[in-house]
N, C-alpha and C. Protein backbone atom coordinates (compact mmCIF):
# COMPACT_ATOMS: atom_id res chain seq x y z
N MET A 1 7.57 -90.79 -59.95
CA MET A 1 8.54 -90.42 -60.98
C MET A 1 7.88 -90.50 -62.35
N VAL A 2 8.60 -89.99 -63.35
CA VAL A 2 8.06 -89.94 -64.69
C VAL A 2 7.88 -91.35 -65.24
N ASN A 3 6.71 -91.63 -65.76
CA ASN A 3 6.43 -92.91 -66.39
C ASN A 3 7.21 -93.01 -67.70
N MET A 4 7.83 -94.15 -67.94
CA MET A 4 8.63 -94.29 -69.15
C MET A 4 7.79 -94.39 -70.41
N ASN A 5 6.48 -94.36 -70.26
CA ASN A 5 5.60 -94.24 -71.43
C ASN A 5 5.39 -92.79 -71.82
N PHE A 6 6.09 -91.89 -71.13
CA PHE A 6 5.89 -90.45 -71.37
C PHE A 6 6.12 -90.08 -72.83
N ILE A 7 7.16 -90.61 -73.46
CA ILE A 7 7.48 -90.23 -74.83
C ILE A 7 6.45 -90.79 -75.80
N GLU A 8 5.95 -91.99 -75.53
CA GLU A 8 4.88 -92.51 -76.38
C GLU A 8 3.64 -91.63 -76.27
N LYS A 9 3.36 -91.16 -75.06
CA LYS A 9 2.23 -90.24 -74.88
C LYS A 9 2.49 -88.94 -75.63
N SER A 10 3.71 -88.45 -75.56
CA SER A 10 4.06 -87.22 -76.28
C SER A 10 3.87 -87.41 -77.78
N ASN A 11 4.33 -88.56 -78.31
CA ASN A 11 4.15 -88.83 -79.74
C ASN A 11 2.68 -88.80 -80.13
N ALA A 12 1.83 -89.39 -79.30
CA ALA A 12 0.39 -89.43 -79.60
C ALA A 12 -0.21 -88.03 -79.59
N ILE A 13 0.19 -87.21 -78.62
CA ILE A 13 -0.35 -85.85 -78.52
C ILE A 13 0.14 -85.00 -79.68
N PHE A 14 1.42 -85.13 -80.04
CA PHE A 14 1.95 -84.35 -81.16
C PHE A 14 1.24 -84.73 -82.47
N ALA A 15 1.04 -86.02 -82.67
CA ALA A 15 0.34 -86.47 -83.88
C ALA A 15 -1.09 -85.94 -83.91
N GLN A 16 -1.73 -85.91 -82.74
CA GLN A 16 -3.10 -85.40 -82.66
C GLN A 16 -3.14 -83.90 -82.97
N ALA A 17 -2.20 -83.15 -82.42
CA ALA A 17 -2.20 -81.70 -82.61
C ALA A 17 -1.97 -81.32 -84.06
N VAL A 18 -1.00 -81.96 -84.70
CA VAL A 18 -0.72 -81.60 -86.10
C VAL A 18 -1.89 -81.99 -86.99
N LYS A 19 -2.56 -83.09 -86.66
CA LYS A 19 -3.75 -83.49 -87.42
C LYS A 19 -4.89 -82.50 -87.20
N ASP A 20 -5.08 -82.08 -85.95
CA ASP A 20 -6.15 -81.12 -85.64
C ASP A 20 -5.93 -79.81 -86.37
N TYR A 21 -4.68 -79.35 -86.43
CA TYR A 21 -4.40 -78.09 -87.15
C TYR A 21 -4.83 -78.21 -88.60
N HIS A 22 -4.53 -79.33 -89.23
CA HIS A 22 -4.77 -79.46 -90.66
C HIS A 22 -6.24 -79.71 -90.99
N ARG A 23 -7.09 -79.74 -89.98
CA ARG A 23 -8.52 -79.78 -90.27
C ARG A 23 -8.96 -78.48 -90.95
N THR A 24 -8.29 -77.38 -90.61
CA THR A 24 -8.57 -76.10 -91.25
C THR A 24 -7.39 -75.61 -92.08
N ASP A 25 -6.16 -76.01 -91.67
CA ASP A 25 -4.93 -75.57 -92.34
C ASP A 25 -4.90 -74.05 -92.46
N ASP A 26 -5.18 -73.39 -91.36
CA ASP A 26 -5.29 -71.93 -91.32
C ASP A 26 -4.46 -71.43 -90.14
N VAL A 27 -3.46 -70.60 -90.43
CA VAL A 27 -2.56 -70.11 -89.37
C VAL A 27 -3.30 -69.24 -88.35
N ASP A 28 -4.48 -68.76 -88.71
CA ASP A 28 -5.25 -67.91 -87.80
C ASP A 28 -6.37 -68.67 -87.10
N ALA A 29 -6.48 -69.95 -87.35
CA ALA A 29 -7.53 -70.74 -86.71
C ALA A 29 -7.32 -70.79 -85.20
N PRO A 30 -8.37 -70.67 -84.42
CA PRO A 30 -8.21 -70.76 -82.96
C PRO A 30 -7.84 -72.16 -82.53
N ILE A 31 -7.05 -72.25 -81.50
CA ILE A 31 -6.66 -73.55 -80.97
C ILE A 31 -7.73 -74.04 -80.00
N HIS A 32 -8.10 -75.29 -80.13
CA HIS A 32 -9.04 -75.91 -79.21
C HIS A 32 -8.30 -77.05 -78.49
N ASN A 33 -7.53 -76.68 -77.51
CA ASN A 33 -6.71 -77.65 -76.79
C ASN A 33 -7.63 -78.56 -75.96
N PRO A 34 -7.61 -79.86 -76.22
CA PRO A 34 -8.54 -80.76 -75.54
C PRO A 34 -8.11 -81.13 -74.11
N TYR A 35 -6.94 -80.66 -73.70
CA TYR A 35 -6.42 -81.06 -72.39
C TYR A 35 -6.60 -79.94 -71.37
N GLN A 36 -6.61 -80.31 -70.12
CA GLN A 36 -6.86 -79.37 -69.04
C GLN A 36 -5.67 -78.42 -68.86
N THR A 37 -5.98 -77.14 -68.73
CA THR A 37 -4.94 -76.14 -68.50
C THR A 37 -4.13 -76.50 -67.25
N GLY A 38 -2.82 -76.32 -67.36
CA GLY A 38 -1.96 -76.61 -66.22
C GLY A 38 -1.39 -78.00 -66.20
N THR A 39 -1.82 -78.86 -67.14
CA THR A 39 -1.28 -80.22 -67.20
C THR A 39 -0.16 -80.28 -68.23
N ILE A 40 0.69 -81.29 -68.11
CA ILE A 40 1.77 -81.46 -69.09
C ILE A 40 1.19 -81.80 -70.45
N GLU A 41 0.06 -82.50 -70.48
CA GLU A 41 -0.58 -82.82 -71.76
C GLU A 41 -1.01 -81.55 -72.50
N TYR A 42 -1.54 -80.60 -71.73
CA TYR A 42 -1.94 -79.31 -72.33
C TYR A 42 -0.73 -78.63 -72.96
N ASP A 43 0.38 -78.62 -72.25
CA ASP A 43 1.58 -77.96 -72.75
C ASP A 43 2.15 -78.67 -73.98
N LEU A 44 2.10 -79.99 -73.99
CA LEU A 44 2.60 -80.73 -75.14
C LEU A 44 1.76 -80.45 -76.38
N TYR A 45 0.44 -80.41 -76.22
CA TYR A 45 -0.43 -80.11 -77.36
C TYR A 45 -0.17 -78.70 -77.87
N LEU A 46 -0.08 -77.75 -76.95
CA LEU A 46 0.18 -76.36 -77.33
C LEU A 46 1.53 -76.23 -78.03
N LYS A 47 2.51 -76.96 -77.54
CA LYS A 47 3.84 -76.91 -78.14
C LYS A 47 3.79 -77.30 -79.60
N ASN A 48 3.13 -78.39 -79.92
CA ASN A 48 3.07 -78.82 -81.31
C ASN A 48 2.23 -77.88 -82.15
N TRP A 49 1.18 -77.33 -81.56
CA TRP A 49 0.35 -76.37 -82.32
C TRP A 49 1.19 -75.17 -82.73
N ILE A 50 1.98 -74.65 -81.81
CA ILE A 50 2.86 -73.52 -82.13
C ILE A 50 3.84 -73.90 -83.23
N ASP A 51 4.43 -75.08 -83.14
CA ASP A 51 5.38 -75.53 -84.15
C ASP A 51 4.72 -75.67 -85.52
N THR A 52 3.49 -76.18 -85.53
CA THR A 52 2.80 -76.39 -86.81
C THR A 52 2.42 -75.07 -87.45
N VAL A 53 1.91 -74.14 -86.66
CA VAL A 53 1.57 -72.81 -87.20
C VAL A 53 2.83 -72.14 -87.73
N GLN A 54 3.91 -72.21 -86.97
CA GLN A 54 5.13 -71.54 -87.40
C GLN A 54 5.68 -72.16 -88.68
N TRP A 55 5.54 -73.46 -88.84
CA TRP A 55 5.95 -74.11 -90.09
C TRP A 55 5.27 -73.44 -91.28
N HIS A 56 3.97 -73.19 -91.15
CA HIS A 56 3.23 -72.59 -92.25
C HIS A 56 3.54 -71.11 -92.42
N LEU A 57 3.81 -70.42 -91.33
CA LEU A 57 4.24 -69.02 -91.46
C LEU A 57 5.57 -68.93 -92.21
N GLU A 58 6.46 -69.87 -91.94
CA GLU A 58 7.75 -69.89 -92.65
C GLU A 58 7.55 -70.18 -94.14
N ASP A 59 6.55 -70.99 -94.47
CA ASP A 59 6.23 -71.22 -95.89
C ASP A 59 5.72 -69.93 -96.53
N ILE A 60 4.79 -69.27 -95.86
CA ILE A 60 4.15 -68.08 -96.43
C ILE A 60 5.16 -66.97 -96.67
N ILE A 61 6.07 -66.77 -95.73
CA ILE A 61 6.99 -65.64 -95.84
C ILE A 61 8.00 -65.83 -96.98
N ARG A 62 8.13 -67.07 -97.47
CA ARG A 62 9.06 -67.34 -98.56
C ARG A 62 8.44 -67.16 -99.94
N ASP A 63 7.19 -66.72 -99.98
CA ASP A 63 6.56 -66.41 -101.25
C ASP A 63 7.33 -65.27 -101.92
N PRO A 64 7.93 -65.48 -103.11
CA PRO A 64 8.73 -64.42 -103.73
C PRO A 64 7.92 -63.19 -104.11
N ASN A 65 6.61 -63.33 -104.18
CA ASN A 65 5.75 -62.20 -104.56
C ASN A 65 5.06 -61.56 -103.35
N ILE A 66 5.49 -61.89 -102.15
CA ILE A 66 4.83 -61.36 -100.96
C ILE A 66 5.05 -59.85 -100.85
N ASP A 67 4.02 -59.17 -100.40
CA ASP A 67 4.13 -57.73 -100.16
C ASP A 67 5.13 -57.47 -99.03
N PRO A 68 6.07 -56.53 -99.21
CA PRO A 68 7.08 -56.29 -98.17
C PRO A 68 6.50 -55.94 -96.80
N VAL A 69 5.40 -55.19 -96.80
CA VAL A 69 4.77 -54.84 -95.53
C VAL A 69 4.22 -56.08 -94.85
N GLU A 70 3.58 -56.94 -95.65
CA GLU A 70 3.06 -58.19 -95.10
C GLU A 70 4.20 -59.08 -94.60
N ALA A 71 5.31 -59.09 -95.35
CA ALA A 71 6.45 -59.91 -94.96
C ALA A 71 7.01 -59.46 -93.61
N LEU A 72 7.10 -58.14 -93.41
CA LEU A 72 7.61 -57.64 -92.14
C LEU A 72 6.67 -58.02 -90.99
N ALA A 73 5.38 -57.92 -91.24
CA ALA A 73 4.41 -58.31 -90.21
C ALA A 73 4.55 -59.80 -89.88
N LEU A 74 4.77 -60.61 -90.91
CA LEU A 74 4.95 -62.05 -90.68
C LEU A 74 6.24 -62.32 -89.92
N LYS A 75 7.30 -61.57 -90.26
CA LYS A 75 8.57 -61.74 -89.54
C LYS A 75 8.38 -61.43 -88.06
N ARG A 76 7.66 -60.38 -87.75
CA ARG A 76 7.38 -60.04 -86.35
C ARG A 76 6.57 -61.16 -85.68
N ARG A 77 5.63 -61.72 -86.43
CA ARG A 77 4.81 -62.80 -85.87
C ARG A 77 5.66 -64.05 -85.61
N ILE A 78 6.57 -64.35 -86.53
CA ILE A 78 7.46 -65.50 -86.35
C ILE A 78 8.36 -65.28 -85.14
N ASP A 79 8.87 -64.06 -84.99
CA ASP A 79 9.70 -63.75 -83.82
C ASP A 79 8.92 -63.98 -82.53
N HIS A 80 7.69 -63.54 -82.50
CA HIS A 80 6.84 -63.72 -81.32
C HIS A 80 6.58 -65.20 -81.08
N SER A 81 6.36 -65.94 -82.16
CA SER A 81 6.12 -67.37 -82.04
C SER A 81 7.35 -68.08 -81.48
N ASN A 82 8.53 -67.67 -81.92
CA ASN A 82 9.76 -68.26 -81.40
C ASN A 82 9.91 -68.01 -79.90
N GLN A 83 9.52 -66.82 -79.46
CA GLN A 83 9.59 -66.53 -78.03
C GLN A 83 8.58 -67.38 -77.26
N ASP A 84 7.38 -67.51 -77.82
CA ASP A 84 6.37 -68.38 -77.18
C ASP A 84 6.87 -69.81 -77.09
N ARG A 85 7.53 -70.27 -78.15
CA ARG A 85 8.06 -71.63 -78.18
C ARG A 85 9.11 -71.80 -77.09
N THR A 86 10.02 -70.85 -76.99
CA THR A 86 11.07 -70.94 -75.97
C THR A 86 10.47 -70.94 -74.57
N ASP A 87 9.52 -70.05 -74.33
CA ASP A 87 8.89 -69.97 -73.01
C ASP A 87 8.20 -71.28 -72.65
N LEU A 88 7.57 -71.90 -73.65
CA LEU A 88 6.85 -73.14 -73.40
C LEU A 88 7.83 -74.30 -73.14
N VAL A 89 8.93 -74.34 -73.88
CA VAL A 89 9.94 -75.37 -73.64
C VAL A 89 10.46 -75.25 -72.21
N GLU A 90 10.69 -74.04 -71.76
CA GLU A 90 11.19 -73.85 -70.40
C GLU A 90 10.15 -74.26 -69.37
N ARG A 91 8.88 -74.07 -69.69
CA ARG A 91 7.82 -74.52 -68.79
C ARG A 91 7.79 -76.05 -68.71
N ILE A 92 8.00 -76.71 -69.85
CA ILE A 92 8.06 -78.17 -69.85
C ILE A 92 9.28 -78.65 -69.08
N ASP A 93 10.39 -77.92 -69.20
CA ASP A 93 11.57 -78.28 -68.41
C ASP A 93 11.31 -78.14 -66.91
N SER A 94 10.48 -77.19 -66.54
CA SER A 94 10.13 -77.06 -65.12
C SER A 94 9.40 -78.31 -64.63
N TYR A 95 8.58 -78.89 -65.51
CA TYR A 95 7.90 -80.14 -65.17
C TYR A 95 8.93 -81.24 -64.90
N PHE A 96 9.90 -81.37 -65.79
CA PHE A 96 10.93 -82.40 -65.60
C PHE A 96 11.77 -82.12 -64.36
N TRP A 97 12.05 -80.85 -64.10
CA TRP A 97 12.82 -80.48 -62.91
C TRP A 97 12.11 -80.96 -61.65
N GLU A 98 10.81 -80.78 -61.62
CA GLU A 98 10.04 -81.24 -60.46
C GLU A 98 10.13 -82.75 -60.30
N GLN A 99 10.24 -83.46 -61.42
CA GLN A 99 10.30 -84.91 -61.35
C GLN A 99 11.66 -85.43 -60.89
N PHE A 100 12.73 -84.75 -61.27
CA PHE A 100 14.06 -85.35 -61.13
C PHE A 100 15.04 -84.62 -60.23
N HIS A 101 14.77 -83.39 -59.83
CA HIS A 101 15.84 -82.61 -59.19
C HIS A 101 16.24 -83.17 -57.82
N GLU A 102 15.38 -83.99 -57.21
CA GLU A 102 15.73 -84.55 -55.90
C GLU A 102 16.37 -85.94 -56.01
N VAL A 103 16.54 -86.45 -57.22
CA VAL A 103 17.21 -87.74 -57.40
C VAL A 103 18.68 -87.60 -57.00
N GLN A 104 19.16 -88.52 -56.19
CA GLN A 104 20.57 -88.50 -55.78
C GLN A 104 21.44 -89.03 -56.91
N PRO A 105 22.30 -88.19 -57.49
CA PRO A 105 23.13 -88.65 -58.61
C PRO A 105 24.12 -89.72 -58.18
N GLN A 106 24.38 -90.66 -59.05
CA GLN A 106 25.40 -91.65 -58.81
C GLN A 106 26.78 -90.99 -58.94
N PRO A 107 27.82 -91.58 -58.36
CA PRO A 107 29.15 -90.96 -58.38
C PRO A 107 29.66 -90.63 -59.78
N GLU A 108 29.34 -91.48 -60.75
CA GLU A 108 29.81 -91.26 -62.12
C GLU A 108 28.73 -90.65 -63.02
N ALA A 109 27.75 -90.01 -62.41
CA ALA A 109 26.65 -89.42 -63.19
C ALA A 109 27.17 -88.38 -64.17
N ARG A 110 26.55 -88.35 -65.34
CA ARG A 110 26.96 -87.44 -66.40
C ARG A 110 25.95 -86.31 -66.57
N ILE A 111 26.39 -85.28 -67.24
CA ILE A 111 25.51 -84.14 -67.57
C ILE A 111 25.21 -84.20 -69.06
N ASN A 112 23.95 -84.04 -69.42
CA ASN A 112 23.56 -84.09 -70.82
C ASN A 112 23.79 -82.74 -71.49
N THR A 113 23.93 -82.75 -72.82
CA THR A 113 24.19 -81.51 -73.55
C THR A 113 22.96 -80.62 -73.69
N GLU A 114 21.79 -81.20 -73.54
CA GLU A 114 20.57 -80.41 -73.63
C GLU A 114 19.59 -80.89 -72.58
N SER A 115 18.68 -80.01 -72.22
CA SER A 115 17.66 -80.38 -71.24
C SER A 115 16.62 -81.27 -71.90
N PRO A 116 15.84 -82.03 -71.13
CA PRO A 116 14.86 -82.94 -71.74
C PRO A 116 13.82 -82.22 -72.58
N ALA A 117 13.41 -81.03 -72.18
CA ALA A 117 12.36 -80.34 -72.95
C ALA A 117 12.85 -79.91 -74.32
N TRP A 118 14.15 -79.61 -74.46
CA TRP A 118 14.64 -79.26 -75.80
C TRP A 118 14.71 -80.49 -76.69
N ALA A 119 14.88 -81.66 -76.10
CA ALA A 119 14.76 -82.90 -76.88
C ALA A 119 13.30 -83.10 -77.30
N ILE A 120 12.38 -82.81 -76.39
CA ILE A 120 10.95 -82.88 -76.71
C ILE A 120 10.60 -81.90 -77.82
N ASP A 121 11.22 -80.74 -77.80
CA ASP A 121 11.02 -79.73 -78.85
C ASP A 121 11.36 -80.31 -80.21
N ARG A 122 12.48 -81.00 -80.32
CA ARG A 122 12.88 -81.59 -81.60
C ARG A 122 11.93 -82.71 -82.01
N LEU A 123 11.42 -83.43 -81.02
CA LEU A 123 10.45 -84.49 -81.32
C LEU A 123 9.16 -83.91 -81.88
N SER A 124 8.71 -82.82 -81.30
CA SER A 124 7.49 -82.15 -81.78
C SER A 124 7.66 -81.69 -83.23
N ILE A 125 8.78 -81.05 -83.51
CA ILE A 125 9.03 -80.56 -84.87
C ILE A 125 9.14 -81.71 -85.85
N LEU A 126 9.68 -82.83 -85.40
CA LEU A 126 9.77 -84.00 -86.26
C LEU A 126 8.39 -84.47 -86.70
N HIS A 127 7.41 -84.39 -85.81
CA HIS A 127 6.05 -84.78 -86.18
C HIS A 127 5.50 -83.85 -87.26
N VAL A 128 5.83 -82.57 -87.21
CA VAL A 128 5.39 -81.64 -88.25
C VAL A 128 6.05 -82.00 -89.57
N LYS A 129 7.33 -82.35 -89.53
CA LYS A 129 8.04 -82.76 -90.75
C LYS A 129 7.40 -84.01 -91.35
N LEU A 130 7.08 -84.96 -90.48
CA LEU A 130 6.47 -86.21 -90.96
C LEU A 130 5.16 -85.95 -91.68
N TRP A 131 4.32 -85.08 -91.11
CA TRP A 131 3.03 -84.78 -91.74
C TRP A 131 3.25 -84.20 -93.14
N HIS A 132 4.17 -83.24 -93.24
CA HIS A 132 4.33 -82.55 -94.51
C HIS A 132 5.11 -83.37 -95.54
N MET A 133 6.00 -84.23 -95.08
CA MET A 133 6.65 -85.12 -96.04
C MET A 133 5.67 -86.15 -96.57
N GLN A 134 4.73 -86.59 -95.72
CA GLN A 134 3.70 -87.51 -96.19
C GLN A 134 2.85 -86.84 -97.27
N GLU A 135 2.57 -85.54 -97.09
CA GLU A 135 1.85 -84.80 -98.13
C GLU A 135 2.59 -84.86 -99.46
N GLN A 136 3.91 -84.74 -99.40
CA GLN A 136 4.71 -84.78 -100.63
C GLN A 136 4.72 -86.18 -101.24
N VAL A 137 4.76 -87.18 -100.40
CA VAL A 137 4.72 -88.56 -100.88
C VAL A 137 3.39 -88.83 -101.60
N ASP A 138 2.32 -88.23 -101.09
CA ASP A 138 0.98 -88.49 -101.63
C ASP A 138 0.67 -87.69 -102.89
N ARG A 139 1.54 -86.77 -103.27
CA ARG A 139 1.26 -85.96 -104.47
C ARG A 139 1.27 -86.81 -105.73
N THR A 140 0.39 -86.43 -106.65
CA THR A 140 0.32 -87.15 -107.93
C THR A 140 0.76 -86.27 -109.10
N ASP A 141 1.18 -85.03 -108.80
CA ASP A 141 1.54 -84.09 -109.86
C ASP A 141 3.05 -83.90 -109.97
N VAL A 142 3.83 -84.90 -109.52
CA VAL A 142 5.28 -84.77 -109.55
C VAL A 142 5.88 -85.93 -110.34
N SER A 143 7.16 -85.78 -110.66
CA SER A 143 7.85 -86.83 -111.41
C SER A 143 8.09 -88.05 -110.52
N ALA A 144 8.35 -89.17 -111.18
CA ALA A 144 8.66 -90.39 -110.44
C ALA A 144 9.93 -90.21 -109.61
N GLU A 145 10.88 -89.45 -110.15
CA GLU A 145 12.14 -89.22 -109.44
C GLU A 145 11.90 -88.44 -108.14
N GLN A 146 11.08 -87.38 -108.23
CA GLN A 146 10.79 -86.61 -107.02
C GLN A 146 10.03 -87.45 -106.01
N HIS A 147 9.09 -88.24 -106.49
CA HIS A 147 8.31 -89.10 -105.58
C HIS A 147 9.24 -90.06 -104.85
N GLU A 148 10.18 -90.66 -105.56
CA GLU A 148 11.11 -91.61 -104.95
C GLU A 148 11.97 -90.92 -103.90
N LYS A 149 12.39 -89.70 -104.18
CA LYS A 149 13.20 -88.96 -103.22
C LYS A 149 12.40 -88.70 -101.93
N CYS A 150 11.13 -88.34 -102.10
CA CYS A 150 10.30 -88.06 -100.93
C CYS A 150 10.02 -89.34 -100.13
N VAL A 151 9.84 -90.46 -100.83
CA VAL A 151 9.65 -91.73 -100.15
C VAL A 151 10.89 -92.07 -99.33
N ALA A 152 12.06 -91.84 -99.90
CA ALA A 152 13.30 -92.11 -99.18
C ALA A 152 13.45 -91.20 -97.96
N LYS A 153 13.10 -89.94 -98.13
CA LYS A 153 13.18 -89.00 -97.01
C LYS A 153 12.19 -89.38 -95.91
N MET A 154 11.02 -89.84 -96.32
CA MET A 154 10.02 -90.25 -95.34
C MET A 154 10.52 -91.43 -94.53
N ALA A 155 11.22 -92.34 -95.17
CA ALA A 155 11.77 -93.49 -94.45
C ALA A 155 12.79 -93.06 -93.42
N VAL A 156 13.61 -92.07 -93.77
CA VAL A 156 14.59 -91.55 -92.82
C VAL A 156 13.91 -90.88 -91.64
N LEU A 157 12.87 -90.10 -91.92
CA LEU A 157 12.15 -89.42 -90.84
C LEU A 157 11.50 -90.43 -89.89
N LYS A 158 10.95 -91.50 -90.43
CA LYS A 158 10.33 -92.53 -89.59
C LYS A 158 11.40 -93.22 -88.73
N GLU A 159 12.56 -93.47 -89.33
CA GLU A 159 13.65 -94.06 -88.55
C GLU A 159 14.08 -93.11 -87.44
N GLN A 160 14.15 -91.84 -87.77
CA GLN A 160 14.52 -90.84 -86.77
C GLN A 160 13.50 -90.79 -85.64
N LEU A 161 12.22 -90.92 -85.97
CA LEU A 161 11.18 -90.93 -84.94
C LEU A 161 11.40 -92.09 -83.97
N GLY A 162 11.69 -93.26 -84.50
CA GLY A 162 11.95 -94.40 -83.64
C GLY A 162 13.18 -94.19 -82.78
N ASP A 163 14.23 -93.65 -83.38
CA ASP A 163 15.47 -93.42 -82.63
C ASP A 163 15.27 -92.37 -81.54
N MET A 164 14.55 -91.30 -81.86
CA MET A 164 14.34 -90.25 -80.87
C MET A 164 13.44 -90.74 -79.74
N THR A 165 12.43 -91.52 -80.09
CA THR A 165 11.55 -92.08 -79.07
C THR A 165 12.36 -92.92 -78.08
N THR A 166 13.25 -93.74 -78.61
CA THR A 166 14.07 -94.58 -77.75
C THR A 166 15.07 -93.75 -76.95
N SER A 167 15.76 -92.83 -77.61
CA SER A 167 16.83 -92.10 -76.94
C SER A 167 16.30 -91.16 -75.85
N ILE A 168 15.16 -90.52 -76.09
CA ILE A 168 14.62 -89.63 -75.06
C ILE A 168 14.07 -90.44 -73.89
N SER A 169 13.47 -91.58 -74.19
CA SER A 169 13.02 -92.47 -73.12
C SER A 169 14.21 -92.92 -72.27
N GLN A 170 15.31 -93.25 -72.93
CA GLN A 170 16.52 -93.66 -72.20
C GLN A 170 17.06 -92.50 -71.36
N LEU A 171 16.99 -91.30 -71.90
CA LEU A 171 17.46 -90.13 -71.16
C LEU A 171 16.65 -89.94 -69.88
N LEU A 172 15.33 -90.05 -69.98
CA LEU A 172 14.48 -89.90 -68.80
C LEU A 172 14.75 -91.01 -67.79
N ALA A 173 14.99 -92.23 -68.30
CA ALA A 173 15.31 -93.34 -67.40
C ALA A 173 16.64 -93.08 -66.69
N ASP A 174 17.60 -92.49 -67.40
CA ASP A 174 18.89 -92.15 -66.78
C ASP A 174 18.72 -91.11 -65.68
N TYR A 175 17.86 -90.12 -65.92
CA TYR A 175 17.59 -89.12 -64.87
C TYR A 175 16.99 -89.80 -63.65
N GLU A 176 16.04 -90.68 -63.90
CA GLU A 176 15.35 -91.34 -62.80
C GLU A 176 16.30 -92.21 -61.98
N ALA A 177 17.27 -92.81 -62.67
CA ALA A 177 18.21 -93.71 -62.00
C ALA A 177 19.42 -92.97 -61.43
N GLY A 178 19.51 -91.67 -61.67
CA GLY A 178 20.66 -90.92 -61.18
C GLY A 178 21.91 -91.10 -62.02
N VAL A 179 21.76 -91.66 -63.22
CA VAL A 179 22.90 -91.85 -64.11
C VAL A 179 23.28 -90.54 -64.78
N ARG A 180 22.29 -89.68 -64.96
CA ARG A 180 22.53 -88.33 -65.46
C ARG A 180 21.99 -87.32 -64.44
N ILE A 181 22.61 -86.17 -64.42
CA ILE A 181 22.22 -85.12 -63.48
C ILE A 181 21.25 -84.17 -64.17
N MET A 182 20.11 -83.94 -63.54
CA MET A 182 19.11 -83.03 -64.09
C MET A 182 19.56 -81.59 -63.88
N LYS A 183 19.81 -80.90 -64.98
CA LYS A 183 20.14 -79.48 -64.92
C LYS A 183 19.37 -78.77 -66.02
N VAL A 184 18.96 -77.54 -65.72
CA VAL A 184 18.21 -76.75 -66.69
C VAL A 184 18.89 -75.39 -66.83
N TYR A 185 19.21 -75.04 -68.06
CA TYR A 185 19.75 -73.71 -68.34
C TYR A 185 18.72 -72.94 -69.15
N ARG A 186 18.27 -71.83 -68.60
CA ARG A 186 17.31 -71.01 -69.33
C ARG A 186 18.01 -70.36 -70.52
N GLN A 187 17.23 -70.10 -71.56
CA GLN A 187 17.81 -69.58 -72.79
C GLN A 187 18.36 -68.16 -72.63
N MET A 188 17.69 -67.35 -71.81
CA MET A 188 18.14 -65.97 -71.58
C MET A 188 18.36 -65.22 -72.89
N LYS A 189 17.40 -65.38 -73.80
CA LYS A 189 17.50 -64.66 -75.07
C LYS A 189 17.45 -63.16 -74.82
N MET A 190 18.24 -62.43 -75.57
CA MET A 190 18.40 -61.00 -75.31
C MET A 190 17.68 -60.12 -76.33
N TYR A 191 17.45 -60.63 -77.55
CA TYR A 191 16.98 -59.72 -78.59
C TYR A 191 15.55 -59.26 -78.40
N ASN A 192 14.74 -59.99 -77.62
CA ASN A 192 13.37 -59.56 -77.36
C ASN A 192 13.23 -58.77 -76.06
N ASP A 193 14.32 -58.64 -75.34
CA ASP A 193 14.28 -57.96 -74.04
C ASP A 193 14.64 -56.48 -74.22
N PRO A 194 13.70 -55.56 -73.93
CA PRO A 194 13.98 -54.13 -74.13
C PRO A 194 15.09 -53.60 -73.22
N ASN A 195 15.46 -54.37 -72.21
CA ASN A 195 16.54 -53.95 -71.33
C ASN A 195 17.90 -54.51 -71.73
N LEU A 196 17.92 -55.45 -72.70
CA LEU A 196 19.17 -56.11 -73.07
C LEU A 196 19.55 -55.93 -74.54
N ASN A 197 18.58 -55.66 -75.40
CA ASN A 197 18.85 -55.43 -76.82
C ASN A 197 19.21 -53.95 -77.02
N PRO A 198 20.44 -53.62 -77.43
CA PRO A 198 20.84 -52.21 -77.56
C PRO A 198 19.94 -51.39 -78.47
N VAL A 199 19.42 -52.04 -79.53
CA VAL A 199 18.54 -51.33 -80.46
C VAL A 199 17.26 -50.90 -79.72
N LEU A 200 16.77 -51.77 -78.82
CA LEU A 200 15.53 -51.47 -78.10
C LEU A 200 15.75 -50.51 -76.96
N TYR A 201 16.76 -50.76 -76.11
CA TYR A 201 16.92 -49.85 -74.99
C TYR A 201 17.53 -48.52 -75.42
N GLY A 202 18.19 -48.51 -76.60
CA GLY A 202 18.71 -47.24 -77.11
C GLY A 202 17.61 -46.29 -77.52
N LYS A 203 16.48 -46.85 -77.92
CA LYS A 203 15.35 -46.01 -78.35
C LYS A 203 14.65 -45.35 -77.19
N LYS A 204 14.97 -45.79 -75.96
CA LYS A 204 14.35 -45.16 -74.80
C LYS A 204 14.92 -43.77 -74.57
N ASN A 205 16.16 -43.57 -75.03
CA ASN A 205 16.86 -42.32 -74.73
C ASN A 205 16.44 -41.19 -75.67
């Protein structure tokens, strides 16, 4: 069964990935995933890398002076990144499904509002927030008031990290004990599917 140190391992991998990205801080830099393809560690590292790149793409596209053609290209890239993110979350959920789907639920077992991988998704993004809020805390070109606000926000993010680490670990323990029922609902997004988006399949005619 899943080791309850899984979330601590996830935290370490997410912190490593966001740090590795910022060695170049380049959205086009190639990823050098240090983990073996096909492992959950590989997927966790890739997940955070996608989140970190997309964070910076979202920054770039908000430049008020951006060329409209470049902005459209970035929007398409962000859309593709979102699809990659969704596909990867579902792959991580498949890992959890393999771990828990044969657990016999207890009579009063509950169903969670989200699958474990979507909780992991939020944890990964939180690590990206932490990195960039720390950048703001470390700035020396801002007012004392802004610095204090960023310090306060950083404290909240750190508290959230602790809470999420505990709550996701508890969720996995509940799955393992049969207190919660493992269920996975695929996103079934329609706007990228040429057979389901009317704008896309209409152009076939």
